[in-house]
N, C-alpha and C. Protein backbone atom coordinates (compact mmCIF):
# COMPACT_ATOMS: atom_id res chain seq x y z
N MET A 1 5.73 8.44 36.08
CA MET A 1 4.69 9.13 35.44
C MET A 1 4.73 8.51 33.94
N LEU A 2 3.39 8.19 33.44
CA LEU A 2 3.05 7.59 32.03
C LEU A 2 2.92 8.84 31.23
N LEU A 3 3.36 8.86 30.18
CA LEU A 3 3.15 9.92 29.11
C LEU A 3 2.22 9.07 27.87
N THR A 4 1.29 9.68 27.47
CA THR A 4 0.68 9.38 26.30
C THR A 4 0.60 10.28 25.10
N GLU A 5 0.58 9.85 24.14
CA GLU A 5 0.54 10.70 22.90
C GLU A 5 -0.76 10.23 21.89
N THR A 6 -1.46 11.33 21.45
CA THR A 6 -2.69 11.06 20.71
C THR A 6 -2.16 11.24 19.11
N LEU A 7 -2.35 10.37 18.38
CA LEU A 7 -1.96 10.28 16.92
C LEU A 7 -2.95 10.10 16.10
N PRO A 8 -3.02 10.97 14.80
CA PRO A 8 -4.17 10.75 13.92
C PRO A 8 -4.06 9.36 13.22
N GLY A 9 -5.05 8.94 12.83
CA GLY A 9 -5.14 7.46 12.40
C GLY A 9 -6.08 7.35 11.18
N ILE A 10 -6.07 6.36 10.50
CA ILE A 10 -6.98 6.14 9.29
C ILE A 10 -8.25 5.38 9.90
N HIS A 11 -9.44 5.84 9.63
CA HIS A 11 -10.77 5.22 10.20
C HIS A 11 -10.96 4.26 9.10
N TRP A 12 -11.60 3.35 9.77
CA TRP A 12 -11.97 1.99 8.90
C TRP A 12 -12.97 2.52 7.80
N GLU A 13 -13.61 3.48 7.89
CA GLU A 13 -14.64 3.83 7.00
C GLU A 13 -13.89 4.40 5.77
N ALA A 14 -12.75 5.05 5.93
CA ALA A 14 -11.95 5.71 5.19
C ALA A 14 -10.99 4.52 4.14
N ALA A 15 -10.69 3.59 5.30
CA ALA A 15 -9.79 2.45 4.57
C ALA A 15 -10.83 1.78 3.68
N MET A 16 -11.95 1.43 3.87
CA MET A 16 -12.96 0.82 2.96
C MET A 16 -13.35 1.67 1.68
N ALA A 17 -13.32 2.98 1.90
CA ALA A 17 -13.50 3.76 0.62
C ALA A 17 -12.31 3.69 -0.24
N ALA A 18 -11.21 3.51 0.19
CA ALA A 18 -9.99 3.60 -0.70
C ALA A 18 -9.96 2.23 -1.31
N ALA A 19 -10.29 1.33 -0.44
CA ALA A 19 -10.03 0.09 -1.21
C ALA A 19 -11.35 -0.24 -2.46
N ARG A 20 -12.60 0.28 -2.05
CA ARG A 20 -13.55 0.18 -3.16
C ARG A 20 -13.15 0.96 -4.13
N ALA A 21 -12.53 2.16 -4.06
CA ALA A 21 -12.17 3.04 -5.18
C ALA A 21 -11.03 2.32 -6.02
N ALA A 22 -10.19 1.70 -5.28
CA ALA A 22 -9.20 1.03 -5.96
C ALA A 22 -9.75 -0.13 -6.79
N VAL A 23 -10.78 -0.91 -6.26
CA VAL A 23 -11.44 -2.04 -7.04
C VAL A 23 -12.12 -1.35 -8.09
N GLU A 24 -12.86 -0.30 -8.11
CA GLU A 24 -13.61 0.24 -9.12
C GLU A 24 -12.75 0.56 -10.33
N LYS A 25 -11.53 1.23 -9.98
CA LYS A 25 -10.78 1.48 -11.11
C LYS A 25 -10.37 0.27 -11.91
N ALA A 26 -9.71 -0.89 -11.07
CA ALA A 26 -9.29 -2.01 -11.57
C ALA A 26 -10.56 -2.48 -12.47
N ALA A 27 -11.86 -2.32 -12.30
CA ALA A 27 -12.64 -2.75 -12.99
C ALA A 27 -12.74 -2.15 -14.39
N ALA A 28 -12.72 -0.76 -14.28
CA ALA A 28 -12.67 0.09 -15.55
C ALA A 28 -11.50 -0.15 -16.33
N LEU A 29 -10.35 -0.81 -15.73
CA LEU A 29 -9.11 -1.12 -16.61
C LEU A 29 -9.28 -2.63 -17.06
N GLY A 30 -10.20 -3.55 -16.78
CA GLY A 30 -10.43 -4.61 -16.96
C GLY A 30 -9.62 -5.69 -16.49
N ILE A 31 -8.99 -5.27 -15.09
CA ILE A 31 -8.06 -6.22 -14.52
C ILE A 31 -8.85 -6.58 -13.09
N ARG A 32 -8.20 -7.57 -12.69
CA ARG A 32 -8.82 -8.03 -11.25
C ARG A 32 -7.67 -8.11 -10.26
N ILE A 33 -7.88 -7.29 -9.09
CA ILE A 33 -6.77 -7.11 -7.93
C ILE A 33 -7.43 -7.67 -6.63
N ASN A 34 -6.50 -7.54 -5.93
CA ASN A 34 -6.28 -7.42 -4.46
C ASN A 34 -5.95 -6.07 -3.73
N VAL A 35 -6.68 -5.67 -2.93
CA VAL A 35 -6.27 -4.37 -2.28
C VAL A 35 -6.28 -4.43 -0.82
N ALA A 36 -5.23 -3.99 -0.27
CA ALA A 36 -5.17 -4.05 1.13
C ALA A 36 -4.87 -2.40 1.77
N VAL A 37 -5.51 -2.22 2.94
CA VAL A 37 -5.13 -0.73 3.39
C VAL A 37 -4.74 -1.17 4.87
N VAL A 38 -3.81 -0.64 5.39
CA VAL A 38 -3.48 -0.77 6.77
C VAL A 38 -3.25 0.59 7.24
N ASP A 39 -3.03 0.49 8.76
CA ASP A 39 -2.85 1.66 9.72
C ASP A 39 -1.32 1.85 9.70
N ARG A 40 -0.92 2.90 10.53
CA ARG A 40 0.27 3.38 10.64
C ARG A 40 1.29 2.22 11.21
N ALA A 41 0.59 1.16 11.80
CA ALA A 41 1.62 0.22 12.38
C ALA A 41 1.54 -0.98 11.39
N GLY A 42 1.05 -0.74 10.25
CA GLY A 42 0.82 -2.02 9.05
C GLY A 42 -0.19 -2.84 9.36
N LEU A 43 -1.04 -2.59 10.42
CA LEU A 43 -2.09 -3.57 10.78
C LEU A 43 -3.41 -3.47 9.75
N PRO A 44 -3.85 -4.65 9.23
CA PRO A 44 -5.02 -4.43 8.28
C PRO A 44 -6.32 -3.53 8.94
N MET A 45 -6.66 -2.59 8.10
CA MET A 45 -8.03 -1.88 8.19
C MET A 45 -9.08 -2.39 7.29
N ALA A 46 -8.49 -2.63 6.07
CA ALA A 46 -9.47 -3.04 5.05
C ALA A 46 -9.03 -3.98 3.88
N PHE A 47 -9.62 -4.82 3.25
CA PHE A 47 -9.04 -5.67 2.36
C PHE A 47 -10.38 -6.06 1.41
N LEU A 48 -9.83 -6.05 0.03
CA LEU A 48 -11.04 -6.50 -0.97
C LEU A 48 -10.20 -7.26 -1.90
N ARG A 49 -10.92 -8.43 -2.44
CA ARG A 49 -10.46 -9.32 -3.32
C ARG A 49 -11.40 -9.38 -4.39
N MET A 50 -11.12 -8.95 -5.65
CA MET A 50 -12.06 -9.37 -6.80
C MET A 50 -12.14 -10.78 -7.09
N SER A 51 -13.25 -11.24 -7.48
CA SER A 51 -13.21 -12.58 -8.16
C SER A 51 -12.14 -12.71 -9.28
N GLY A 52 -11.54 -13.94 -9.14
CA GLY A 52 -10.43 -13.91 -10.18
C GLY A 52 -9.22 -13.38 -10.12
N ALA A 53 -8.92 -12.53 -8.81
CA ALA A 53 -7.67 -11.97 -8.82
C ALA A 53 -6.76 -13.19 -8.44
N PRO A 54 -5.45 -12.93 -8.78
CA PRO A 54 -4.35 -13.81 -8.55
C PRO A 54 -4.30 -14.11 -6.93
N LEU A 55 -4.41 -15.40 -6.45
CA LEU A 55 -4.42 -15.85 -5.02
C LEU A 55 -2.85 -15.40 -4.51
N HIS A 56 -1.91 -15.55 -5.17
CA HIS A 56 -0.61 -15.20 -4.50
C HIS A 56 -0.59 -13.51 -4.40
N SER A 57 -1.35 -12.76 -5.11
CA SER A 57 -1.40 -11.31 -5.06
C SER A 57 -2.02 -10.83 -3.76
N ILE A 58 -2.68 -11.82 -3.06
CA ILE A 58 -3.36 -11.29 -1.81
C ILE A 58 -2.11 -10.85 -1.03
N GLY A 59 -1.30 -11.82 -0.62
CA GLY A 59 -0.08 -11.38 0.16
C GLY A 59 0.87 -10.31 -0.34
N ILE A 60 0.95 -10.10 -1.68
CA ILE A 60 1.77 -9.02 -2.28
C ILE A 60 1.21 -7.43 -1.96
N ALA A 61 -0.33 -7.65 -1.99
CA ALA A 61 -1.18 -6.33 -1.69
C ALA A 61 -0.83 -6.12 -0.31
N GLU A 62 -0.89 -7.03 0.67
CA GLU A 62 -0.84 -6.80 2.01
C GLU A 62 0.60 -6.26 2.34
N ASP A 63 1.82 -6.91 1.72
CA ASP A 63 2.93 -6.61 1.89
C ASP A 63 3.40 -5.08 1.35
N LYS A 64 2.66 -4.66 0.30
CA LYS A 64 2.86 -3.38 -0.49
C LYS A 64 2.13 -2.52 0.69
N ALA A 65 1.14 -2.40 1.07
CA ALA A 65 0.47 -1.61 2.02
C ALA A 65 1.31 -1.60 3.18
N TYR A 66 1.81 -2.62 3.81
CA TYR A 66 2.96 -2.61 5.10
C TYR A 66 4.20 -1.95 4.85
N THR A 67 4.98 -2.02 3.66
CA THR A 67 5.94 -1.48 3.28
C THR A 67 5.53 0.13 3.21
N ALA A 68 4.61 0.48 2.44
CA ALA A 68 4.29 1.89 2.09
C ALA A 68 4.10 2.70 3.51
N ALA A 69 3.57 1.95 4.58
CA ALA A 69 2.98 2.63 6.00
C ALA A 69 4.29 2.45 6.83
N SER A 70 5.11 1.46 6.74
CA SER A 70 6.30 1.44 7.46
C SER A 70 7.39 2.51 7.13
N PHE A 71 7.58 2.79 5.87
CA PHE A 71 8.59 3.88 5.53
C PHE A 71 7.96 5.15 5.44
N GLY A 72 6.85 5.34 4.76
CA GLY A 72 6.11 6.57 4.39
C GLY A 72 6.79 6.82 3.00
N LEU A 73 6.89 5.74 2.26
CA LEU A 73 7.42 5.89 0.88
C LEU A 73 6.76 4.89 0.02
N SER A 74 6.43 5.35 -1.11
CA SER A 74 5.77 4.65 -2.13
C SER A 74 6.87 3.34 -2.53
N THR A 75 6.30 2.24 -2.79
CA THR A 75 6.80 1.20 -2.98
C THR A 75 7.87 1.10 -4.36
N ALA A 76 7.18 1.97 -5.33
CA ALA A 76 8.01 2.16 -6.58
C ALA A 76 9.22 3.14 -6.40
N ALA A 77 9.26 3.72 -5.24
CA ALA A 77 10.42 4.75 -4.88
C ALA A 77 11.63 4.07 -4.63
N TRP A 78 11.52 2.80 -4.33
CA TRP A 78 12.81 2.13 -3.70
C TRP A 78 13.85 1.90 -5.07
N ALA A 79 13.47 2.01 -6.05
CA ALA A 79 14.50 1.64 -7.05
C ALA A 79 15.32 2.98 -7.02
N SER A 80 14.89 3.93 -7.16
CA SER A 80 15.78 5.30 -6.90
C SER A 80 16.36 5.35 -5.80
N VAL A 81 16.04 5.09 -4.67
CA VAL A 81 16.48 5.02 -3.28
C VAL A 81 17.67 4.28 -3.25
N LEU A 82 17.69 2.94 -3.88
CA LEU A 82 18.61 2.17 -3.72
C LEU A 82 19.67 1.81 -4.91
N ALA A 83 19.57 2.97 -5.88
CA ALA A 83 20.34 2.88 -7.20
C ALA A 83 21.75 2.92 -6.94
N ASP A 84 22.16 3.57 -5.99
CA ASP A 84 23.63 3.73 -5.83
C ASP A 84 24.07 3.05 -4.67
N ASN A 85 23.34 2.14 -3.87
CA ASN A 85 23.80 1.48 -2.70
C ASN A 85 23.24 0.08 -2.67
N ASP A 86 24.44 -0.82 -3.31
CA ASP A 86 24.32 -2.18 -3.31
C ASP A 86 24.22 -3.08 -2.13
N GLY A 87 24.99 -2.56 -0.85
CA GLY A 87 24.97 -2.92 0.43
C GLY A 87 23.48 -2.97 0.87
N LEU A 88 22.96 -1.78 0.89
CA LEU A 88 21.59 -1.50 1.39
C LEU A 88 20.55 -2.34 0.53
N ARG A 89 20.77 -2.22 -0.82
CA ARG A 89 19.75 -3.18 -1.61
C ARG A 89 19.80 -4.62 -1.39
N GLN A 90 20.98 -5.22 -1.07
CA GLN A 90 21.02 -6.49 -0.90
C GLN A 90 20.42 -6.80 0.50
N GLY A 91 20.87 -5.94 1.43
CA GLY A 91 20.33 -6.28 2.89
C GLY A 91 18.76 -5.99 3.02
N LEU A 92 18.29 -5.00 2.23
CA LEU A 92 16.74 -4.85 2.50
C LEU A 92 15.85 -5.84 1.72
N ALA A 93 16.66 -6.34 0.51
CA ALA A 93 16.04 -7.60 -0.21
C ALA A 93 15.72 -8.87 0.55
N SER A 94 16.60 -8.70 1.43
CA SER A 94 16.35 -10.22 2.29
C SER A 94 15.17 -10.00 3.61
N ARG A 95 14.68 -8.88 3.74
CA ARG A 95 14.08 -8.57 4.51
C ARG A 95 12.28 -8.91 4.44
N GLU A 96 11.93 -9.70 5.10
CA GLU A 96 10.43 -10.42 5.16
C GLU A 96 9.48 -9.05 4.85
N ARG A 97 8.63 -9.55 3.99
CA ARG A 97 7.38 -8.30 3.74
C ARG A 97 7.79 -6.94 3.07
N LEU A 98 9.07 -6.74 2.76
CA LEU A 98 9.55 -5.60 2.26
C LEU A 98 9.32 -5.68 0.53
N VAL A 99 8.44 -4.83 0.16
CA VAL A 99 8.29 -4.86 -1.50
C VAL A 99 8.89 -3.59 -2.07
N MET A 100 9.54 -3.76 -3.18
CA MET A 100 10.26 -2.78 -3.78
C MET A 100 9.94 -2.62 -5.28
N PHE A 101 8.77 -2.58 -5.50
CA PHE A 101 8.21 -2.42 -6.82
C PHE A 101 6.73 -1.80 -6.74
N GLY A 102 6.41 -1.16 -7.60
CA GLY A 102 4.95 -0.32 -7.74
C GLY A 102 3.84 -0.80 -7.12
N GLY A 103 2.96 -0.24 -6.72
CA GLY A 103 1.53 -0.47 -6.24
C GLY A 103 1.27 -0.28 -4.60
N GLY A 104 2.06 0.06 -4.11
CA GLY A 104 2.13 0.43 -2.55
C GLY A 104 2.42 1.86 -2.28
N LEU A 105 1.31 2.74 -1.68
CA LEU A 105 1.61 4.19 -1.59
C LEU A 105 1.21 4.24 0.10
N PRO A 106 1.78 5.13 0.63
CA PRO A 106 1.58 5.60 1.97
C PRO A 106 0.44 6.42 1.88
N VAL A 107 -0.68 6.63 2.91
CA VAL A 107 -1.49 7.34 3.19
C VAL A 107 -1.05 8.53 4.22
N MET A 108 -0.97 9.68 3.81
CA MET A 108 -0.38 10.75 4.34
C MET A 108 -1.67 11.62 4.81
N LEU A 109 -1.21 12.26 6.10
CA LEU A 109 -2.24 13.40 6.67
C LEU A 109 -1.52 14.44 7.18
N GLU A 110 -1.30 15.64 6.54
CA GLU A 110 -0.78 16.81 7.18
C GLU A 110 0.64 16.31 7.42
N GLY A 111 1.59 15.64 6.23
CA GLY A 111 2.70 15.52 6.43
C GLY A 111 3.00 14.23 7.25
N ALA A 112 2.24 13.47 7.96
CA ALA A 112 2.29 12.33 8.66
C ALA A 112 1.78 11.08 7.92
N CYS A 113 2.65 10.16 7.88
CA CYS A 113 1.82 8.74 7.39
C CYS A 113 1.38 8.02 8.53
N ILE A 114 0.06 7.88 7.81
CA ILE A 114 -1.10 7.39 8.97
C ILE A 114 -1.79 5.92 8.37
N GLY A 115 -0.96 5.43 7.35
CA GLY A 115 -1.39 4.20 6.81
C GLY A 115 -0.64 4.06 5.46
N GLY A 116 -1.15 2.79 4.88
CA GLY A 116 -0.75 2.15 3.53
C GLY A 116 -1.79 1.81 2.72
N ILE A 117 -1.65 1.89 1.42
CA ILE A 117 -2.49 1.13 0.37
C ILE A 117 -1.60 0.24 -0.30
N GLY A 118 -2.02 -0.94 -0.75
CA GLY A 118 -1.24 -1.95 -1.47
C GLY A 118 -2.38 -2.54 -2.54
N VAL A 119 -1.96 -2.77 -3.82
CA VAL A 119 -2.64 -3.26 -4.96
C VAL A 119 -1.64 -4.06 -5.58
N SER A 120 -2.17 -5.33 -5.95
CA SER A 120 -1.35 -6.30 -6.68
C SER A 120 -2.62 -7.22 -7.48
N GLY A 121 -2.12 -7.52 -8.69
CA GLY A 121 -3.10 -8.24 -9.56
C GLY A 121 -2.81 -8.00 -10.87
N GLY A 122 -2.62 -6.51 -11.10
CA GLY A 122 -2.20 -6.13 -12.71
C GLY A 122 -0.68 -6.00 -12.90
N SER A 123 -0.52 -5.14 -13.75
CA SER A 123 1.18 -4.75 -14.05
C SER A 123 1.39 -3.96 -12.88
N GLU A 124 2.66 -3.54 -12.81
CA GLU A 124 3.33 -2.66 -11.87
C GLU A 124 2.60 -1.30 -12.06
N GLU A 125 2.28 -0.74 -13.23
CA GLU A 125 1.67 0.23 -13.48
C GLU A 125 0.34 0.30 -13.28
N GLN A 126 -0.42 -0.69 -13.86
CA GLN A 126 -1.75 -0.72 -13.33
C GLN A 126 -2.04 -0.86 -11.64
N ASP A 127 -1.39 -1.40 -11.18
CA ASP A 127 -1.42 -1.63 -9.58
C ASP A 127 -1.36 -0.08 -9.07
N GLU A 128 -0.43 0.49 -9.71
CA GLU A 128 -0.06 1.95 -9.28
C GLU A 128 -1.36 2.70 -9.44
N ILE A 129 -1.88 2.62 -10.64
CA ILE A 129 -3.08 3.65 -10.89
C ILE A 129 -4.12 3.23 -9.98
N CYS A 130 -4.39 1.95 -9.70
CA CYS A 130 -5.49 1.54 -8.86
C CYS A 130 -5.28 1.99 -7.47
N ALA A 131 -4.06 1.98 -6.89
CA ALA A 131 -3.72 2.50 -5.71
C ALA A 131 -3.94 4.11 -5.48
N ARG A 132 -3.33 4.81 -6.55
CA ARG A 132 -3.71 6.20 -6.67
C ARG A 132 -5.22 6.68 -6.51
N ALA A 133 -5.98 5.85 -7.27
CA ALA A 133 -7.39 6.07 -7.27
C ALA A 133 -8.07 5.71 -5.77
N GLY A 134 -7.49 4.88 -4.78
CA GLY A 134 -7.88 4.49 -3.65
C GLY A 134 -7.50 5.72 -2.76
N LEU A 135 -6.18 6.27 -3.01
CA LEU A 135 -5.80 7.46 -2.25
C LEU A 135 -6.70 8.81 -2.76
N ALA A 136 -7.16 8.86 -3.82
CA ALA A 136 -7.93 10.00 -4.41
C ALA A 136 -9.33 10.13 -3.67
N ALA A 137 -9.79 8.84 -3.43
CA ALA A 137 -11.06 8.68 -2.69
C ALA A 137 -11.11 9.12 -1.35
N LEU A 138 -9.74 9.39 -0.88
CA LEU A 138 -9.42 9.89 0.58
C LEU A 138 -9.80 11.40 0.56
N GLY A 139 -9.62 11.96 -0.41
CA GLY A 139 -9.60 13.57 -0.49
C GLY A 139 -8.28 14.15 -0.74
């Protein structure tokens, strides 16, 4: 017998609205960013790149979103999570695509992580502000 489960997910229109809101916040801050929104599996749902945003930040934004979705934890939270655990910090630091600085936030719905948003191109604080603007657009 096969069993299936229906899980809530982020709709592409919501992903685009979040990405657009992040870009609009970046424009208001006077910075240029890349923003990625992924589903619960870390697969791309939306991506926007502002003209002049740093090229290396494309992958960083994608990896911030991936990290946030895979753990259901903001990328900025890793500093406190790993503060007293050198072994875990060293092990995780070698993991491909894991980002442990601000700008990646999980997209939560009724306590469940349904995706992630990642922003890169500004300072860590600016990236976080833009990512929060993206989440706010989701309601």
